[in-house]
Amino acid sequence: MSEQATLNPPPEVRVGDERLVQLTESAGKKAAALINREQQGQYLRVAINGGGCNGLSYKMKFVSAPKKNDILVPTAGIQVIVDMKSALYIKGTVMDYSDQMVGGGFKFTNPNAKSSCSCGESFSV
């Protein structure tokens, strides 16, 4: 990740901090490995979409650039992008990663979630 991307984002992109979203060290390492392997872009976009067992679900993808009005959060060596709408639901979320055979993968701890499904991929507010 380039320091330049953190220091000089496009003017239509706001810089946020880990109060919005935070990756643990293990999540940052896994995301960095996936960024290098997938070659889809240097940013991790985290969004909230309608759907899932509990009404809202987390979506992640790698992108090459932020969009207008996105929030850029440098965390754990990764540049995370969150759109304004998703920011309302994701504020305070911590993303972790576990490589366990059962129950492994990215896990979201969201203080705004009133309930979540057993798989941890959807929630309600």
N, C-alpha and C. Protein backbone atom coordinates (compact mmCIF):
# COMPACT_ATOMS: atom_id res chain seq x y z
N MET A 1 0.83 -1.18 0.00
CA MET A 1 0.00 0.00 0.00
C MET A 1 0.88 1.23 0.00
N SER A 2 0.51 2.17 -0.73
CA SER A 2 1.28 3.40 -0.87
C SER A 2 0.89 4.39 0.22
N GLU A 3 1.90 4.97 0.86
CA GLU A 3 1.64 6.04 1.83
C GLU A 3 0.95 7.21 1.13
N GLN A 4 1.29 7.42 -0.13
CA GLN A 4 0.73 8.51 -0.90
C GLN A 4 -0.79 8.41 -0.96
N ALA A 5 -1.33 7.20 -1.09
CA ALA A 5 -2.77 7.02 -1.16
C ALA A 5 -3.44 7.50 0.13
N THR A 6 -2.76 7.30 1.28
CA THR A 6 -3.30 7.72 2.55
C THR A 6 -3.18 9.23 2.72
N LEU A 7 -2.06 9.79 2.33
CA LEU A 7 -1.80 11.20 2.57
C LEU A 7 -2.52 12.13 1.60
N ASN A 8 -2.74 11.70 0.38
CA ASN A 8 -3.33 12.55 -0.64
C ASN A 8 -4.48 11.87 -1.38
N PRO A 9 -5.57 11.58 -0.69
CA PRO A 9 -6.70 10.99 -1.41
C PRO A 9 -7.32 12.03 -2.35
N PRO A 10 -8.08 11.59 -3.33
CA PRO A 10 -8.77 12.55 -4.19
C PRO A 10 -9.63 13.50 -3.34
N PRO A 11 -9.84 14.73 -3.77
CA PRO A 11 -10.57 15.72 -2.95
C PRO A 11 -12.00 15.30 -2.61
N GLU A 12 -12.62 14.45 -3.44
CA GLU A 12 -14.00 14.04 -3.18
C GLU A 12 -14.09 12.84 -2.24
N VAL A 13 -12.94 12.40 -1.69
CA VAL A 13 -12.88 11.27 -0.77
C VAL A 13 -12.45 11.78 0.60
N ARG A 14 -13.21 11.43 1.63
CA ARG A 14 -12.85 11.83 2.99
C ARG A 14 -11.96 10.78 3.62
N VAL A 15 -11.06 11.21 4.48
CA VAL A 15 -10.23 10.28 5.23
C VAL A 15 -10.88 10.10 6.60
N GLY A 16 -11.14 8.84 6.94
CA GLY A 16 -11.70 8.50 8.24
C GLY A 16 -10.65 7.84 9.10
N ASP A 17 -11.09 7.29 10.22
CA ASP A 17 -10.16 6.59 11.09
C ASP A 17 -10.80 5.31 11.60
N GLU A 18 -10.10 4.62 12.47
CA GLU A 18 -10.54 3.31 12.95
C GLU A 18 -11.78 3.36 13.83
N ARG A 19 -12.29 4.54 14.12
CA ARG A 19 -13.58 4.60 14.82
C ARG A 19 -14.71 4.16 13.89
N LEU A 20 -14.48 4.25 12.58
CA LEU A 20 -15.47 3.80 11.60
C LEU A 20 -15.36 2.29 11.40
N VAL A 21 -14.20 1.83 11.01
CA VAL A 21 -13.95 0.40 10.81
C VAL A 21 -12.49 0.12 11.11
N GLN A 22 -12.24 -1.01 11.75
CA GLN A 22 -10.88 -1.38 12.13
C GLN A 22 -10.63 -2.84 11.76
N LEU A 23 -9.49 -3.11 11.16
CA LEU A 23 -9.06 -4.48 10.89
C LEU A 23 -8.07 -4.88 11.97
N THR A 24 -8.21 -6.11 12.48
CA THR A 24 -7.20 -6.62 13.39
C THR A 24 -5.95 -6.93 12.58
N GLU A 25 -4.88 -7.23 13.26
CA GLU A 25 -3.63 -7.55 12.58
C GLU A 25 -3.82 -8.76 11.66
N SER A 26 -4.51 -9.80 12.13
CA SER A 26 -4.71 -11.00 11.30
C SER A 26 -5.59 -10.69 10.09
N ALA A 27 -6.60 -9.84 10.24
CA ALA A 27 -7.45 -9.46 9.11
C ALA A 27 -6.65 -8.63 8.11
N GLY A 28 -5.79 -7.76 8.59
CA GLY A 28 -4.95 -6.95 7.71
C GLY A 28 -3.99 -7.81 6.91
N LYS A 29 -3.37 -8.79 7.56
CA LYS A 29 -2.44 -9.69 6.86
C LYS A 29 -3.16 -10.50 5.80
N LYS A 30 -4.34 -11.03 6.13
CA LYS A 30 -5.08 -11.83 5.15
C LYS A 30 -5.55 -10.96 3.99
N ALA A 31 -6.05 -9.76 4.28
CA ALA A 31 -6.50 -8.86 3.21
C ALA A 31 -5.32 -8.49 2.30
N ALA A 32 -4.15 -8.23 2.87
CA ALA A 32 -2.97 -7.90 2.07
C ALA A 32 -2.59 -9.06 1.16
N ALA A 33 -2.64 -10.28 1.70
CA ALA A 33 -2.32 -11.47 0.89
C ALA A 33 -3.33 -11.63 -0.25
N LEU A 34 -4.60 -11.38 0.04
CA LEU A 34 -5.63 -11.49 -0.99
C LEU A 34 -5.49 -10.39 -2.05
N ILE A 35 -5.15 -9.20 -1.63
CA ILE A 35 -4.93 -8.10 -2.58
C ILE A 35 -3.81 -8.48 -3.55
N ASN A 36 -2.72 -9.02 -3.01
CA ASN A 36 -1.60 -9.43 -3.86
C ASN A 36 -1.98 -10.58 -4.79
N ARG A 37 -2.76 -11.52 -4.29
CA ARG A 37 -3.13 -12.69 -5.09
C ARG A 37 -4.17 -12.36 -6.15
N GLU A 38 -5.19 -11.60 -5.78
CA GLU A 38 -6.32 -11.34 -6.68
C GLU A 38 -6.02 -10.30 -7.74
N GLN A 39 -5.16 -9.32 -7.42
CA GLN A 39 -4.79 -8.26 -8.38
C GLN A 39 -6.02 -7.54 -8.94
N GLN A 40 -7.04 -7.27 -8.09
CA GLN A 40 -8.25 -6.56 -8.51
C GLN A 40 -8.22 -5.09 -8.12
N GLY A 41 -7.31 -4.72 -7.25
CA GLY A 41 -7.20 -3.34 -6.79
C GLY A 41 -6.54 -3.31 -5.43
N GLN A 42 -6.07 -2.13 -5.05
CA GLN A 42 -5.32 -1.99 -3.79
C GLN A 42 -6.19 -1.59 -2.61
N TYR A 43 -7.47 -1.37 -2.84
CA TYR A 43 -8.38 -0.96 -1.78
C TYR A 43 -9.36 -2.08 -1.45
N LEU A 44 -9.72 -2.20 -0.17
CA LEU A 44 -10.75 -3.14 0.25
C LEU A 44 -12.03 -2.34 0.49
N ARG A 45 -13.04 -2.57 -0.32
CA ARG A 45 -14.34 -1.91 -0.14
C ARG A 45 -15.19 -2.80 0.76
N VAL A 46 -15.68 -2.22 1.86
CA VAL A 46 -16.59 -2.90 2.77
C VAL A 46 -17.91 -2.16 2.71
N ALA A 47 -18.98 -2.91 2.44
CA ALA A 47 -20.29 -2.29 2.28
C ALA A 47 -21.35 -3.11 3.00
N ILE A 48 -22.47 -2.47 3.24
CA ILE A 48 -23.64 -3.13 3.81
C ILE A 48 -24.72 -3.13 2.75
N ASN A 49 -25.28 -4.31 2.49
CA ASN A 49 -26.36 -4.46 1.52
C ASN A 49 -27.57 -5.09 2.19
N GLY A 50 -28.73 -4.85 1.63
CA GLY A 50 -29.93 -5.53 2.11
C GLY A 50 -29.85 -7.00 1.74
N GLY A 51 -30.34 -7.86 2.62
CA GLY A 51 -30.34 -9.29 2.35
C GLY A 51 -29.74 -10.06 3.51
N GLY A 52 -29.68 -11.35 3.36
CA GLY A 52 -29.14 -12.20 4.41
C GLY A 52 -30.24 -12.61 5.37
N CYS A 53 -29.92 -13.48 6.28
CA CYS A 53 -30.89 -14.03 7.24
C CYS A 53 -31.55 -12.95 8.09
N ASN A 54 -30.79 -11.91 8.43
CA ASN A 54 -31.28 -10.89 9.37
C ASN A 54 -31.53 -9.54 8.75
N GLY A 55 -31.56 -9.45 7.43
CA GLY A 55 -31.93 -8.18 6.80
C GLY A 55 -30.82 -7.40 6.15
N LEU A 56 -29.63 -7.37 6.76
CA LEU A 56 -28.49 -6.66 6.21
C LEU A 56 -27.29 -7.60 6.16
N SER A 57 -26.46 -7.46 5.14
CA SER A 57 -25.29 -8.34 5.04
C SER A 57 -24.05 -7.54 4.66
N TYR A 58 -22.92 -8.07 5.04
CA TYR A 58 -21.63 -7.45 4.74
C TYR A 58 -21.17 -7.91 3.37
N LYS A 59 -20.59 -6.99 2.61
CA LYS A 59 -20.01 -7.30 1.32
C LYS A 59 -18.59 -6.73 1.29
N MET A 60 -17.69 -7.49 0.72
CA MET A 60 -16.30 -7.03 0.58
C MET A 60 -15.84 -7.32 -0.83
N LYS A 61 -15.07 -6.39 -1.39
CA LYS A 61 -14.43 -6.63 -2.67
C LYS A 61 -13.24 -5.70 -2.79
N PHE A 62 -12.32 -6.06 -3.66
CA PHE A 62 -11.16 -5.24 -3.92
C PHE A 62 -11.45 -4.35 -5.11
N VAL A 63 -11.07 -3.08 -4.99
CA VAL A 63 -11.29 -2.10 -6.05
C VAL A 63 -10.02 -1.30 -6.29
N SER A 64 -9.93 -0.72 -7.47
CA SER A 64 -8.72 0.02 -7.83
C SER A 64 -8.74 1.48 -7.39
N ALA A 65 -9.93 2.02 -7.07
CA ALA A 65 -10.00 3.43 -6.67
C ALA A 65 -11.28 3.68 -5.87
N PRO A 66 -11.23 4.65 -4.96
CA PRO A 66 -12.46 5.05 -4.25
C PRO A 66 -13.37 5.84 -5.18
N LYS A 67 -14.64 5.93 -4.81
CA LYS A 67 -15.62 6.72 -5.55
C LYS A 67 -15.88 8.03 -4.81
N LYS A 68 -16.54 8.94 -5.49
CA LYS A 68 -16.90 10.23 -4.90
C LYS A 68 -17.70 10.00 -3.62
N ASN A 69 -17.36 10.74 -2.58
CA ASN A 69 -18.00 10.71 -1.26
C ASN A 69 -17.70 9.46 -0.44
N ASP A 70 -16.77 8.61 -0.88
CA ASP A 70 -16.35 7.47 -0.07
C ASP A 70 -15.54 7.97 1.12
N ILE A 71 -15.42 7.10 2.11
CA ILE A 71 -14.57 7.37 3.27
C ILE A 71 -13.43 6.36 3.21
N LEU A 72 -12.21 6.85 3.27
CA LEU A 72 -11.01 6.03 3.22
C LEU A 72 -10.44 5.88 4.63
N VAL A 73 -10.29 4.63 5.07
CA VAL A 73 -9.79 4.37 6.42
C VAL A 73 -8.52 3.52 6.33
N PRO A 74 -7.37 4.09 6.68
CA PRO A 74 -6.16 3.27 6.76
C PRO A 74 -6.17 2.49 8.08
N THR A 75 -6.08 1.17 7.99
CA THR A 75 -6.11 0.33 9.18
C THR A 75 -5.35 -0.97 8.91
N ALA A 76 -4.49 -1.34 9.81
CA ALA A 76 -3.72 -2.59 9.73
C ALA A 76 -2.98 -2.72 8.40
N GLY A 77 -2.50 -1.61 7.86
CA GLY A 77 -1.75 -1.64 6.61
C GLY A 77 -2.61 -1.74 5.36
N ILE A 78 -3.91 -1.65 5.51
CA ILE A 78 -4.86 -1.78 4.39
C ILE A 78 -5.63 -0.48 4.25
N GLN A 79 -5.96 -0.13 3.01
CA GLN A 79 -6.80 1.04 2.74
C GLN A 79 -8.24 0.52 2.58
N VAL A 80 -9.09 0.78 3.56
CA VAL A 80 -10.48 0.32 3.53
C VAL A 80 -11.35 1.48 3.06
N ILE A 81 -12.26 1.18 2.15
CA ILE A 81 -13.20 2.18 1.63
C ILE A 81 -14.60 1.81 2.08
N VAL A 82 -15.33 2.81 2.57
CA VAL A 82 -16.71 2.63 3.00
C VAL A 82 -17.55 3.74 2.37
N ASP A 83 -18.67 3.39 1.75
CA ASP A 83 -19.55 4.43 1.20
C ASP A 83 -20.35 5.07 2.34
N MET A 84 -20.89 6.24 2.07
CA MET A 84 -21.59 7.02 3.10
C MET A 84 -22.77 6.27 3.72
N LYS A 85 -23.55 5.59 2.90
CA LYS A 85 -24.72 4.84 3.40
C LYS A 85 -24.29 3.71 4.33
N SER A 86 -23.29 2.95 3.91
CA SER A 86 -22.80 1.84 4.73
C SER A 86 -22.19 2.32 6.03
N ALA A 87 -21.58 3.51 6.01
CA ALA A 87 -20.93 4.05 7.20
C ALA A 87 -21.90 4.17 8.37
N LEU A 88 -23.18 4.44 8.07
CA LEU A 88 -24.18 4.55 9.13
C LEU A 88 -24.35 3.24 9.89
N TYR A 89 -24.20 2.13 9.21
CA TYR A 89 -24.40 0.81 9.81
C TYR A 89 -23.13 0.17 10.33
N ILE A 90 -21.99 0.60 9.80
CA ILE A 90 -20.74 -0.09 10.08
C ILE A 90 -19.90 0.60 11.16
N LYS A 91 -20.28 1.80 11.57
CA LYS A 91 -19.49 2.58 12.51
C LYS A 91 -19.14 1.76 13.76
N GLY A 92 -17.84 1.69 14.04
CA GLY A 92 -17.37 0.98 15.22
C GLY A 92 -17.08 -0.50 15.00
N THR A 93 -17.24 -0.97 13.77
CA THR A 93 -17.06 -2.40 13.48
C THR A 93 -15.58 -2.78 13.47
N VAL A 94 -15.30 -3.94 14.05
CA VAL A 94 -13.96 -4.52 14.01
C VAL A 94 -14.03 -5.78 13.17
N MET A 95 -13.14 -5.86 12.17
CA MET A 95 -13.04 -7.05 11.33
C MET A 95 -11.85 -7.87 11.77
N ASP A 96 -12.10 -9.15 12.00
CA ASP A 96 -11.03 -10.07 12.38
C ASP A 96 -10.97 -11.18 11.34
N TYR A 97 -9.92 -11.96 11.38
CA TYR A 97 -9.80 -13.10 10.47
C TYR A 97 -9.27 -14.29 11.25
N SER A 98 -9.87 -15.45 10.99
CA SER A 98 -9.42 -16.70 11.59
C SER A 98 -9.25 -17.73 10.49
N ASP A 99 -8.17 -18.50 10.56
CA ASP A 99 -7.95 -19.54 9.55
C ASP A 99 -8.35 -20.91 10.05
N GLN A 100 -9.20 -20.98 11.06
CA GLN A 100 -9.69 -22.26 11.56
C GLN A 100 -10.52 -22.97 10.51
N MET A 101 -10.44 -24.29 10.49
CA MET A 101 -11.19 -25.09 9.51
C MET A 101 -12.70 -24.89 9.67
N VAL A 102 -13.16 -24.89 10.91
CA VAL A 102 -14.58 -24.69 11.18
C VAL A 102 -14.76 -23.30 11.77
N GLY A 103 -15.60 -22.51 11.14
CA GLY A 103 -15.88 -21.17 11.65
C GLY A 103 -14.81 -20.15 11.32
N GLY A 104 -13.94 -20.46 10.37
CA GLY A 104 -12.88 -19.53 9.98
C GLY A 104 -13.39 -18.50 8.99
N GLY A 105 -12.51 -17.59 8.61
CA GLY A 105 -12.84 -16.53 7.66
C GLY A 105 -12.89 -15.19 8.34
N PHE A 106 -13.38 -14.18 7.61
CA PHE A 106 -13.52 -12.85 8.17
C PHE A 106 -14.74 -12.80 9.07
N LYS A 107 -14.57 -12.18 10.22
CA LYS A 107 -15.65 -12.03 11.20
C LYS A 107 -15.82 -10.55 11.52
N PHE A 108 -17.07 -10.12 11.62
CA PHE A 108 -17.40 -8.73 11.90
C PHE A 108 -17.97 -8.63 13.30
N THR A 109 -17.42 -7.73 14.11
CA THR A 109 -17.99 -7.40 15.41
C THR A 109 -18.52 -5.99 15.29
N ASN A 110 -19.86 -5.89 15.20
CA ASN A 110 -20.52 -4.62 14.92
C ASN A 110 -21.34 -4.20 16.13
N PRO A 111 -20.96 -3.09 16.79
CA PRO A 111 -21.70 -2.65 17.98
C PRO A 111 -23.12 -2.16 17.66
N ASN A 112 -23.42 -1.92 16.38
CA ASN A 112 -24.75 -1.44 15.99
C ASN A 112 -25.74 -2.57 15.76
N ALA A 113 -25.25 -3.80 15.66
CA ALA A 113 -26.12 -4.94 15.36
C ALA A 113 -26.92 -5.34 16.59
N LYS A 114 -28.23 -5.36 16.43
CA LYS A 114 -29.11 -5.80 17.52
C LYS A 114 -29.15 -7.33 17.57
N SER A 115 -29.06 -7.94 16.39
CA SER A 115 -28.99 -9.40 16.30
C SER A 115 -28.22 -9.76 15.05
N SER A 116 -27.67 -10.96 15.05
CA SER A 116 -26.95 -11.44 13.86
C SER A 116 -27.22 -12.93 13.71
N CYS A 117 -26.98 -13.42 12.50
CA CYS A 117 -27.22 -14.83 12.25
C CYS A 117 -26.03 -15.64 12.77
N SER A 118 -26.19 -16.93 12.86
CA SER A 118 -25.14 -17.78 13.41
C SER A 118 -23.89 -17.79 12.54
N CYS A 119 -24.03 -17.54 11.24
CA CYS A 119 -22.85 -17.53 10.38
C CYS A 119 -22.08 -16.20 10.49
N GLY A 120 -22.69 -15.17 11.06
CA GLY A 120 -22.01 -13.89 11.25
C GLY A 120 -21.94 -13.03 10.01
N GLU A 121 -22.63 -13.43 8.95
CA GLU A 121 -22.56 -12.66 7.70
C GLU A 121 -23.72 -11.70 7.51
N SER A 122 -24.73 -11.76 8.38
CA SER A 122 -25.82 -10.80 8.27
C SER A 122 -26.24 -10.36 9.67
N PHE A 123 -26.94 -9.23 9.72
CA PHE A 123 -27.33 -8.66 11.01
C PHE A 123 -28.54 -7.76 10.82
N SER A 124 -29.11 -7.33 11.93
CA SER A 124 -30.19 -6.34 11.90
C SER A 124 -29.87 -5.26 12.91
N VAL A 125 -30.44 -4.07 12.66
CA VAL A 125 -30.20 -2.93 13.57
C VAL A 125 -31.51 -2.50 14.21
